[in-house]
PDB file of N, CA and C in Angstrom:
ATOM      1  N   MET A   1     -15.281 -82.173  48.005  1.00  0.00           N
ATOM      2  CA  MET A   1     -15.295 -81.364  48.781  1.00  0.00           C
ATOM      3  C   MET A   1     -16.605 -80.633  48.957  1.00  0.00           C
ATOM      4  N   TYR A   2     -16.989 -80.579  50.475  1.00  0.00           N
ATOM      5  CA  TYR A   2     -18.202 -79.785  50.814  1.00  0.00           C
ATOM      6  C   TYR A   2     -17.961 -78.835  51.748  1.00  0.00           C
ATOM      7  N   TYR A   3     -18.295 -77.878  51.970  1.00  0.00           N
ATOM      8  CA  TYR A   3     -18.538 -76.737  52.974  1.00  0.00           C
ATOM      9  C   TYR A   3     -19.722 -77.003  54.199  1.00  0.00           C
ATOM     10  N   VAL A   4     -19.606 -76.981  54.753  1.00  0.00           N
ATOM     11  CA  VAL A   4     -20.676 -77.332  56.076  1.00  0.00           C
ATOM     12  C   VAL A   4     -20.304 -76.391  57.259  1.00  0.00           C
ATOM     13  N   ALA A   5     -21.929 -76.364  57.934  1.00  0.00           N
ATOM     14  CA  ALA A   5     -21.540 -75.424  59.345  1.00  0.00           C
ATOM     15  C   ALA A   5     -21.066 -76.354  60.059  1.00  0.00           C
ATOM     16  N   GLU A   6     -20.503 -75.657  61.192  1.00  0.00           N
ATOM     17  CA  GLU A   6     -20.176 -76.667  62.397  1.00  0.00           C
ATOM     18  C   GLU A   6     -20.759 -75.832  63.592  1.00  0.00           C
ATOM     19  N   VAL A   7     -21.123 -76.461  64.786  1.00  0.00           N
ATOM     20  CA  VAL A   7     -21.343 -75.931  65.862  1.00  0.00           C
ATOM     21  C   VAL A   7     -20.341 -76.181  67.083  1.00  0.00           C
ATOM     22  N   ASP A   8     -19.938 -74.980  67.959  1.00  0.00           N
ATOM     23  CA  ASP A   8     -18.794 -75.251  68.679  1.00  0.00           C
ATOM     24  C   ASP A   8     -19.866 -75.772  69.967  1.00  0.00           C
ATOM     25  N   ARG A   9     -20.140 -76.950  70.412  1.00  0.00           N
ATOM     26  CA  ARG A   9     -21.026 -77.254  71.523  1.00  0.00           C
ATOM     27  C   ARG A   9     -21.374 -76.632  72.820  1.00  0.00           C
ATOM     28  N   GLU A  10     -19.571 -76.494  72.922  1.00  0.00           N
ATOM     29  CA  GLU A  10     -19.277 -75.564  74.424  1.00  0.00           C
ATOM     30  C   GLU A  10     -19.651 -74.417  74.477  1.00  0.00           C
ATOM     31  N   ILE A  11     -19.414 -73.512  73.377  1.00  0.00           N
ATOM     32  CA  ILE A  11     -19.799 -72.145  73.367  1.00  0.00           C
ATOM     33  C   ILE A  11     -21.453 -72.356  73.130  1.00  0.00           C
ATOM     34  N   CYS A  12     -22.031 -73.080  72.220  1.00  0.00           N
ATOM     35  CA  CYS A  12     -23.669 -72.950  72.451  1.00  0.00           C
ATOM     36  C   CYS A  12     -24.134 -73.252  73.500  1.00  0.00           C
ATOM     37  N   SER A  13     -23.615 -74.514  74.100  1.00  0.00           N
ATOM     38  CA  SER A  13     -24.743 -74.475  75.372  1.00  0.00           C
ATOM     39  C   SER A  13     -24.791 -73.739  76.531  1.00  0.00           C
ATOM     40  N   SER A  14     -23.403 -72.940  76.725  1.00  0.00           N
ATOM     41  CA  SER A  14     -23.554 -72.070  77.558  1.00  0.00           C
ATOM     42  C   SER A  14     -24.462 -70.552  77.528  1.00  0.00           C
ATOM     43  N   LYS A  15     -24.776 -70.515  75.906  1.00  0.00           N
ATOM     44  CA  LYS A  15     -25.713 -69.433  75.580  1.00  0.00           C
ATOM     45  C   LYS A  15     -26.912 -70.037  75.467  1.00  0.00           C
ATOM     46  N   ALA A  16     -27.188 -71.131  74.868  1.00  0.00           N
ATOM     47  CA  ALA A  16     -28.107 -71.903  74.616  1.00  0.00           C
ATOM     48  C   ALA A  16     -29.529 -71.076  73.943  1.00  0.00           C
ATOM     49  N   CYS A  17     -29.089 -70.112  72.757  1.00  0.00           N
ATOM     50  CA  CYS A  17     -30.258 -69.457  72.497  1.00  0.00           C
ATOM     51  C   CYS A  17     -30.957 -69.999  71.443  1.00  0.00           C
ATOM     52  N   SER A  18     -30.273 -70.770  70.289  1.00  0.00           N
ATOM     53  CA  SER A  18     -31.019 -71.869  69.515  1.00  0.00           C
ATOM     54  C   SER A  18     -31.619 -70.487  68.347  1.00  0.00           C
ATOM     55  N   LEU A  19     -31.303 -69.480  68.288  1.00  0.00           N
ATOM     56  CA  LEU A  19     -31.394 -68.197  67.094  1.00  0.00           C
ATOM     57  C   LEU A  19     -30.995 -69.007  65.426  1.00  0.00           C
ATOM     58  N   CYS A  20     -30.224 -69.945  65.572  1.00  0.00           N
ATOM     59  CA  CYS A  20     -29.653 -70.402  64.298  1.00  0.00           C
ATOM     60  C   CYS A  20     -30.776 -71.570  63.630  1.00  0.00           C
ATOM     61  N   THR A  21     -31.377 -72.139  64.544  1.00  0.00           N
ATOM     62  CA  THR A  21     -32.404 -72.839  64.199  1.00  0.00           C
ATOM     63  C   THR A  21     -33.440 -72.265  63.795  1.00  0.00           C
ATOM     64  N   THR A  22     -33.937 -70.859  64.224  1.00  0.00           N
ATOM     65  CA  THR A  22     -35.183 -70.575  63.914  1.00  0.00           C
ATOM     66  C   THR A  22     -34.847 -69.720  62.164  1.00  0.00           C
ATOM     67  N   PHE A  23     -33.633 -69.521  61.519  1.00  0.00           N
ATOM     68  CA  PHE A  23     -33.516 -68.522  60.773  1.00  0.00           C
ATOM     69  C   PHE A  23     -32.910 -69.202  59.736  1.00  0.00           C
ATOM     70  N   CYS A  24     -32.165 -70.568  60.002  1.00  0.00           N
ATOM     71  CA  CYS A  24     -31.996 -71.427  59.119  1.00  0.00           C
ATOM     72  C   CYS A  24     -32.876 -71.728  58.076  1.00  0.00           C
ATOM     73  N   PRO A  25     -32.769 -71.247  56.650  1.00  0.00           N
ATOM     74  CA  PRO A  25     -33.606 -71.400  55.336  1.00  0.00           C
ATOM     75  C   PRO A  25     -34.307 -73.228  54.808  1.00  0.00           C
ATOM     76  N   GLU A  26     -33.273 -74.100  55.414  1.00  0.00           N
ATOM     77  CA  GLU A  26     -33.356 -75.549  55.039  1.00  0.00           C
ATOM     78  C   GLU A  26     -33.804 -76.175  56.006  1.00  0.00           C
ATOM     79  N   SER A  27     -35.003 -76.813  56.010  1.00  0.00           N
ATOM     80  CA  SER A  27     -35.581 -77.609  56.942  1.00  0.00           C
ATOM     81  C   SER A  27     -34.851 -78.592  57.680  1.00  0.00           C
ATOM     82  N   ASN A  28     -34.943 -78.943  59.128  1.00  0.00           N
ATOM     83  CA  ASN A  28     -34.331 -79.705  59.290  1.00  0.00           C
ATOM     84  C   ASN A  28     -32.638 -79.770  59.480  1.00  0.00           C
ATOM     85  N   CYS A  29     -32.282 -78.821  58.949  1.00  0.00           N
ATOM     86  CA  CYS A  29     -31.031 -78.575  58.801  1.00  0.00           C
ATOM     87  C   CYS A  29     -30.200 -78.550  59.997  1.00  0.00           C
ATOM     88  N   ILE A  30     -30.219 -77.181  60.969  1.00  0.00           N
ATOM     89  CA  ILE A  30     -29.771 -77.039  62.041  1.00  0.00           C
ATOM     90  C   ILE A  30     -31.250 -77.318  63.637  1.00  0.00           C
ATOM     91  N   ASN A  31     -30.794 -78.349  64.180  1.00  0.00           N
ATOM     92  CA  ASN A  31     -31.809 -78.253  65.275  1.00  0.00           C
ATOM     93  C   ASN A  31     -30.909 -78.297  66.559  1.00  0.00           C
ATOM     94  N   TYR A  32     -31.810 -78.408  67.462  1.00  0.00           N
ATOM     95  CA  TYR A  32     -31.775 -78.063  68.918  1.00  0.00           C
ATOM     96  C   TYR A  32     -31.949 -79.015  69.814  1.00  0.00           C
ATOM     97  N   SER A  33     -30.462 -79.340  70.634  1.00  0.00           N
ATOM     98  CA  SER A  33     -30.883 -80.993  71.323  1.00  0.00           C
ATOM     99  C   SER A  33     -31.159 -80.304  72.793  1.00  0.00           C
ATOM    100  N   GLU A  34     -32.441 -80.467  73.396  1.00  0.00           N
ATOM    101  CA  GLU A  34     -32.679 -80.745  74.834  1.00  0.00           C
ATOM    102  C   GLU A  34     -31.895 -81.237  75.658  1.00  0.00           C
ATOM    103  N   LYS A  35     -31.334 -82.245  75.270  1.00  0.00           N
ATOM    104  CA  LYS A  35     -30.407 -82.749  75.950  1.00  0.00           C
ATOM    105  C   LYS A  35     -29.001 -82.268  76.340  1.00  0.00           C
ATOM    106  N   ASP A  36     -28.189 -81.640  75.307  1.00  0.00           N
ATOM    107  CA  ASP A  36     -27.314 -81.226  75.227  1.00  0.00           C
ATOM    108  C   ASP A  36     -27.321 -79.371  75.620  1.00  0.00           C
ATOM    109  N   LYS A  37     -28.394 -79.052  75.280  1.00  0.00           N
ATOM    110  CA  LYS A  37     -28.579 -77.576  75.539  1.00  0.00           C
ATOM    111  C   LYS A  37     -27.772 -77.003  74.659  1.00  0.00           C
ATOM    112  N   SER A  38     -27.656 -77.454  73.073  1.00  0.00           N
ATOM    113  CA  SER A  38     -26.719 -77.094  72.299  1.00  0.00           C
ATOM    114  C   SER A  38     -27.642 -77.352  70.552  1.00  0.00           C
ATOM    115  N   ALA A  39     -27.180 -76.412  69.731  1.00  0.00           N
ATOM    116  CA  ALA A  39     -27.848 -76.739  68.077  1.00  0.00           C
ATOM    117  C   ALA A  39     -26.687 -77.844  68.114  1.00  0.00           C
ATOM    118  N   TYR A  40     -27.155 -78.177  66.996  1.00  0.00           N
ATOM    119  CA  TYR A  40     -26.440 -79.327  65.555  1.00  0.00           C
ATOM    120  C   TYR A  40     -26.614 -79.652  64.634  1.00  0.00           C
ATOM    121  N   VAL A  41     -25.790 -79.391  63.440  1.00  0.00           N
ATOM    122  CA  VAL A  41     -25.951 -79.360  62.422  1.00  0.00           C
ATOM    123  C   VAL A  41     -26.173 -81.315  61.309  1.00  0.00           C
ATOM    124  N   SER A  42     -26.928 -81.042  60.895  1.00  0.00           N
ATOM    125  CA  SER A  42     -27.444 -82.501  60.051  1.00  0.00           C
ATOM    126  C   SER A  42     -26.556 -81.931  58.739  1.00  0.00           C
ATOM    127  N   VAL A  43     -24.967 -82.536  58.487  1.00  0.00           N
ATOM    128  CA  VAL A  43     -24.546 -81.896  57.479  1.00  0.00           C
ATOM    129  C   VAL A  43     -24.927 -82.615  56.125  1.00  0.00           C
ATOM    130  N   ASP A  44     -25.651 -83.431  56.117  1.00  0.00           N
ATOM    131  CA  ASP A  44     -26.377 -84.052  54.765  1.00  0.00           C
ATOM    132  C   ASP A  44     -27.274 -82.609  54.351  1.00  0.00           C
ATOM    133  N   ARG A  45     -27.768 -82.241  55.212  1.00  0.00           N
ATOM    134  CA  ARG A  45     -28.661 -80.959  54.511  1.00  0.00           C
ATOM    135  C   ARG A  45     -28.288 -79.628  54.556  1.00  0.00           C
ATOM    136  N   CYS A  46     -26.782 -79.543  55.121  1.00  0.00           N
ATOM    137  CA  CYS A  46     -26.443 -77.685  55.062  1.00  0.00           C
ATOM    138  C   CYS A  46     -26.094 -77.745  53.817  1.00  0.00           C
ATOM    139  N   LYS A  47     -26.784 -76.114  53.117  1.00  0.00           N
ATOM    140  CA  LYS A  47     -26.279 -75.961  51.905  1.00  0.00           C
ATOM    141  C   LYS A  47     -25.059 -75.109  51.803  1.00  0.00           C
ATOM    142  N   ALA A  48     -24.403 -74.847  52.931  1.00  0.00           N
ATOM    143  CA  ALA A  48     -23.437 -73.835  53.034  1.00  0.00           C
ATOM    144  C   ALA A  48     -23.612 -72.431  52.735  1.00  0.00           C
ATOM    145  N   CYS A  49     -24.876 -71.994  53.143  1.00  0.00           N
ATOM    146  CA  CYS A  49     -25.119 -70.619  52.717  1.00  0.00           C
ATOM    147  C   CYS A  49     -24.836 -69.342  53.968  1.00  0.00           C
ATOM    148  N   GLU A  50     -24.406 -70.214  55.192  1.00  0.00           N
ATOM    149  CA  GLU A  50     -23.558 -69.306  55.852  1.00  0.00           C
ATOM    150  C   GLU A  50     -24.674 -68.149  56.732  1.00  0.00           C
ATOM    151  N   ILE A  51     -26.011 -68.429  56.501  1.00  0.00           N
ATOM    152  CA  ILE A  51     -26.838 -67.872  57.286  1.00  0.00           C
ATOM    153  C   ILE A  51     -27.112 -67.610  58.653  1.00  0.00           C
ATOM    154  N   CYS A  52     -26.539 -69.295  59.116  1.00  0.00           N
ATOM    155  CA  CYS A  52     -26.542 -69.763  60.561  1.00  0.00           C
ATOM    156  C   CYS A  52     -25.347 -68.999  61.274  1.00  0.00           C
ATOM    157  N   VAL A  53     -24.552 -68.535  60.468  1.00  0.00           N
ATOM    158  CA  VAL A  53     -22.847 -68.284  61.318  1.00  0.00           C
ATOM    159  C   VAL A  53     -23.164 -66.560  61.320  1.00  0.00           C
ATOM    160  N   TYR A  54     -23.769 -66.094  59.969  1.00  0.00           N
ATOM    161  CA  TYR A  54     -24.277 -64.601  60.661  1.00  0.00           C
ATOM    162  C   TYR A  54     -25.336 -64.246  61.615  1.00  0.00           C
ATOM    163  N   ILE A  55     -26.252 -65.035  61.623  1.00  0.00           N
ATOM    164  CA  ILE A  55     -26.923 -64.947  63.295  1.00  0.00           C
ATOM    165  C   ILE A  55     -26.051 -65.447  64.052  1.00  0.00           C
ATOM    166  N   CYS A  56     -25.559 -66.198  64.544  1.00  0.00           N
ATOM    167  CA  CYS A  56     -24.759 -66.596  65.484  1.00  0.00           C
ATOM    168  C   CYS A  56     -23.783 -65.393  65.885  1.00  0.00           C
ATOM    169  N   ASP A  57     -22.771 -65.191  64.934  1.00  0.00           N
ATOM    170  CA  ASP A  57     -21.910 -64.002  65.766  1.00  0.00           C
ATOM    171  C   ASP A  57     -22.540 -62.486  65.407  1.00  0.00           C
ATOM    172  N   ASP A  58     -23.253 -62.068  64.382  1.00  0.00           N
ATOM    173  CA  ASP A  58     -23.332 -60.892  64.057  1.00  0.00           C
ATOM    174  C   ASP A  58     -24.968 -60.206  65.263  1.00  0.00           C
ATOM    175  N   ILE A  59     -25.661 -61.403  65.414  1.00  0.00           N
ATOM    176  CA  ILE A  59     -26.916 -60.817  65.761  1.00  0.00           C
ATOM    177  C   ILE A  59     -27.010 -61.596  67.308  1.00  0.00           C
ATOM    178  N   ALA A  60     -26.647 -62.725  67.677  1.00  0.00           N
ATOM    179  CA  ALA A  60     -26.998 -63.358  69.269  1.00  0.00           C
ATOM    180  C   ALA A  60     -25.430 -63.107  69.311  1.00  0.00           C
ATOM    181  N   LYS A  61     -24.304 -62.893  68.830  1.00  0.00           N
ATOM    182  CA  LYS A  61     -23.100 -62.332  69.662  1.00  0.00           C
ATOM    183  C   LYS A  61     -22.242 -63.493  70.671  1.00  0.00           C
ATOM    184  N   ASN A  62     -22.466 -64.730  69.765  1.00  0.00           N
ATOM    185  CA  ASN A  62     -22.378 -66.139  70.215  1.00  0.00           C
ATOM    186  C   ASN A  62     -20.884 -66.214  69.467  1.00  0.00           C
ATOM    187  N   ASN A  63     -20.743 -66.227  68.372  1.00  0.00           N
ATOM    188  CA  ASN A  63     -19.478 -67.000  67.462  1.00  0.00           C
ATOM    189  C   ASN A  63     -18.953 -68.414  67.972  1.00  0.00           C
ATOM    190  N   ALA A  64     -20.286 -69.233  67.484  1.00  0.00           N
ATOM    191  CA  ALA A  64     -20.581 -70.634  68.297  1.00  0.00           C
ATOM    192  C   ALA A  64     -20.501 -71.520  66.632  1.00  0.00           C
ATOM    193  N   ILE A  65     -20.587 -71.038  65.540  1.00  0.00           N
ATOM    194  CA  ILE A  65     -20.643 -71.554  64.425  1.00  0.00           C
ATOM    195  C   ILE A  65     -19.920 -71.220  63.148  1.00  0.00           C
ATOM    196  N   LYS A  66     -18.777 -71.758  62.707  1.00  0.00           N
ATOM    197  CA  LYS A  66     -17.917 -71.566  62.041  1.00  0.00           C
ATOM    198  C   LYS A  66     -18.124 -72.740  60.613  1.00  0.00           C
ATOM    199  N   MET A  67     -17.907 -72.096  59.398  1.00  0.00           N
ATOM    200  CA  MET A  67     -18.174 -73.408  58.332  1.00  0.00           C
ATOM    201  C   MET A  67     -16.495 -73.873  58.110  1.00  0.00           C
ATOM    202  N   LYS A  68     -16.675 -75.301  57.660  1.00  0.00           N
ATOM    203  CA  LYS A  68     -15.213 -76.269  57.529  1.00  0.00           C
ATOM    204  C   LYS A  68     -15.736 -76.891  56.686  1.00  0.00           C
ATOM    205  N   TRP A  69     -14.837 -77.640  56.151  1.00  0.00           N
ATOM    206  CA  TRP A  69     -14.978 -78.578  55.062  1.00  0.00           C
ATOM    207  C   TRP A  69     -15.012 -79.885  55.520  1.00  0.00           C
ATOM    208  N   ILE A  70     -16.146 -80.517  54.907  1.00  0.00           N
ATOM    209  CA  ILE A  70     -16.686 -81.867  55.404  1.00  0.00           C
ATOM    210  C   ILE A  70     -16.005 -82.526  55.901  1.00  0.00           C
ATOM    211  N   ASP A  71     -14.911 -82.696  55.469  1.00  0.00           N
ATOM    212  CA  ASP A  71     -13.908 -83.765  56.255  1.00  0.00           C
ATOM    213  C   ASP A  71     -12.931 -83.480  57.018  1.00  0.00           C
ATOM    214  N   ASN A  72     -13.202 -82.036  57.699  1.00  0.00           N
ATOM    215  CA  ASN A  72     -12.136 -81.285  58.876  1.00  0.00           C
ATOM    216  C   ASN A  72     -12.920 -81.621  59.966  1.00  0.00           C
ATOM    217  N   LEU A  73     -14.506 -81.787  59.988  1.00  0.00           N
ATOM    218  CA  LEU A  73     -15.242 -81.246  61.204  1.00  0.00           C
ATOM    219  C   LEU A  73     -14.632 -82.072  62.402  1.00  0.00           C
ATOM    220  N   ASP A  74     -14.637 -81.287  63.738  1.00  0.00           N
ATOM    221  CA  ASP A  74     -14.110 -81.910  64.902  1.00  0.00           C
ATOM    222  C   ASP A  74     -14.968 -83.040  65.274  1.00  0.00           C
ATOM    223  N   GLU A  75     -16.086 -83.461  65.095  1.00  0.00           N
ATOM    224  CA  GLU A  75     -16.726 -84.663  65.419  1.00  0.00           C
ATOM    225  C   GLU A  75     -17.182 -85.549  64.495  1.00  0.00           C
ATOM    226  N   GLY A  76     -16.667 -85.537  63.217  1.00  0.00           N
ATOM    227  CA  GLY A  76     -17.136 -86.385  61.880  1.00  0.00           C
ATOM    228  C   GLY A  76     -18.249 -86.548  61.655  1.00  0.00           C
ATOM    229  N   PHE A  77     -18.894 -87.984  60.990  1.00  0.00           N
ATOM    230  CA  PHE A  77     -20.244 -87.536  60.814  1.00  0.00           C
ATOM    231  C   PHE A  77     -20.294 -89.144  59.931  1.00  0.00           C
ATOM    232  N   VAL A  78     -21.715 -89.565  60.093  1.00  0.00           N
ATOM    233  CA  VAL A  78     -21.703 -90.804  59.488  1.00  0.00           C
ATOM    234  C   VAL A  78     -22.908 -90.697  58.145  1.00  0.00           C
ATOM    235  N   ILE A  79     -22.514 -91.020  57.068  1.00  0.00           N
ATOM    236  CA  ILE A  79     -23.535 -91.178  56.126  1.00  0.00           C
ATOM    237  C   ILE A  79     -24.367 -92.773  56.034  1.00  0.00           C
ATOM    238  N   LYS A  80     -25.958 -92.475  56.737  1.00  0.00           N
ATOM    239  CA  LYS A  80     -26.107 -93.559  57.001  1.00  0.00           C
ATOM    240  C   LYS A  80     -26.629 -94.454  55.586  1.00  0.00           C
ATOM    241  N   ASN A  81     -26.942 -95.533  55.664  1.00  0.00           N
ATOM    242  CA  ASN A  81     -27.188 -96.523  54.480  1.00  0.00           C
ATOM    243  C   ASN A  81     -26.356 -96.677  53.545  1.00  0.00           C
ATOM    244  N   THR A  82     -25.119 -96.220  53.971  1.00  0.00           N
ATOM    245  CA  THR A  82     -23.683 -96.500  53.325  1.00  0.00           C
ATOM    246  C   THR A  82     -22.797 -97.190  54.289  1.00  0.00           C
ATOM    247  N   GLY A  83     -23.009 -96.686  55.313  1.00  0.00           N
ATOM    248  CA  GLY A  83     -21.877 -97.249  56.229  1.00  0.00           C
ATOM    249  C   GLY A  83     -20.552 -96.512  56.402  1.00  0.00           C
ATOM    250  N   ILE A  84     -20.733 -95.411  55.453  1.00  0.00           N
ATOM    251  CA  ILE A  84     -19.590 -94.643  55.512  1.00  0.00           C
ATOM    252  C   ILE A  84     -19.542 -93.864  56.888  1.00  0.00           C
ATOM    253  N   VAL A  85     -18.279 -94.084  57.468  1.00  0.00           N
ATOM    254  CA  VAL A  85     -17.964 -92.786  58.563  1.00  0.00           C
ATOM    255  C   VAL A  85     -16.532 -92.094  58.136  1.00  0.00           C
ATOM    256  N   ILE A  86     -16.760 -90.744  58.697  1.00  0.00           N
ATOM    257  CA  ILE A  86     -15.757 -89.849  58.397  1.00  0.00           C
ATOM    258  C   ILE A  86     -15.292 -89.299  59.712  1.00  0.00           C
ATOM    259  N   ARG A  87     -14.060 -89.456  60.268  1.00  0.00           N
ATOM    260  CA  ARG A  87     -13.739 -88.412  61.270  1.00  0.00           C
ATOM    261  C   ARG A  87     -12.432 -88.406  61.038  1.00  0.00           C
TER     262      ARG A  87
END
């Protein structure tokens, strides 16, 4: 099992602050989609430090990021180059 951040895109897109992308210490872990106006997490890069949760909850007051076990992610994920899909 692995613990990772998950962004509630509905909440995030309504706020569109992108602060989490600025403060994440892992490069290319949390990115911002101009198309969706929401942040998203690259689960293979997330180190479960929870800094994004702190920034989103306590600084931005958005409460759009929660930590979840990787097999409980709402949108699932794909591990490229292996063909493994988890939903």
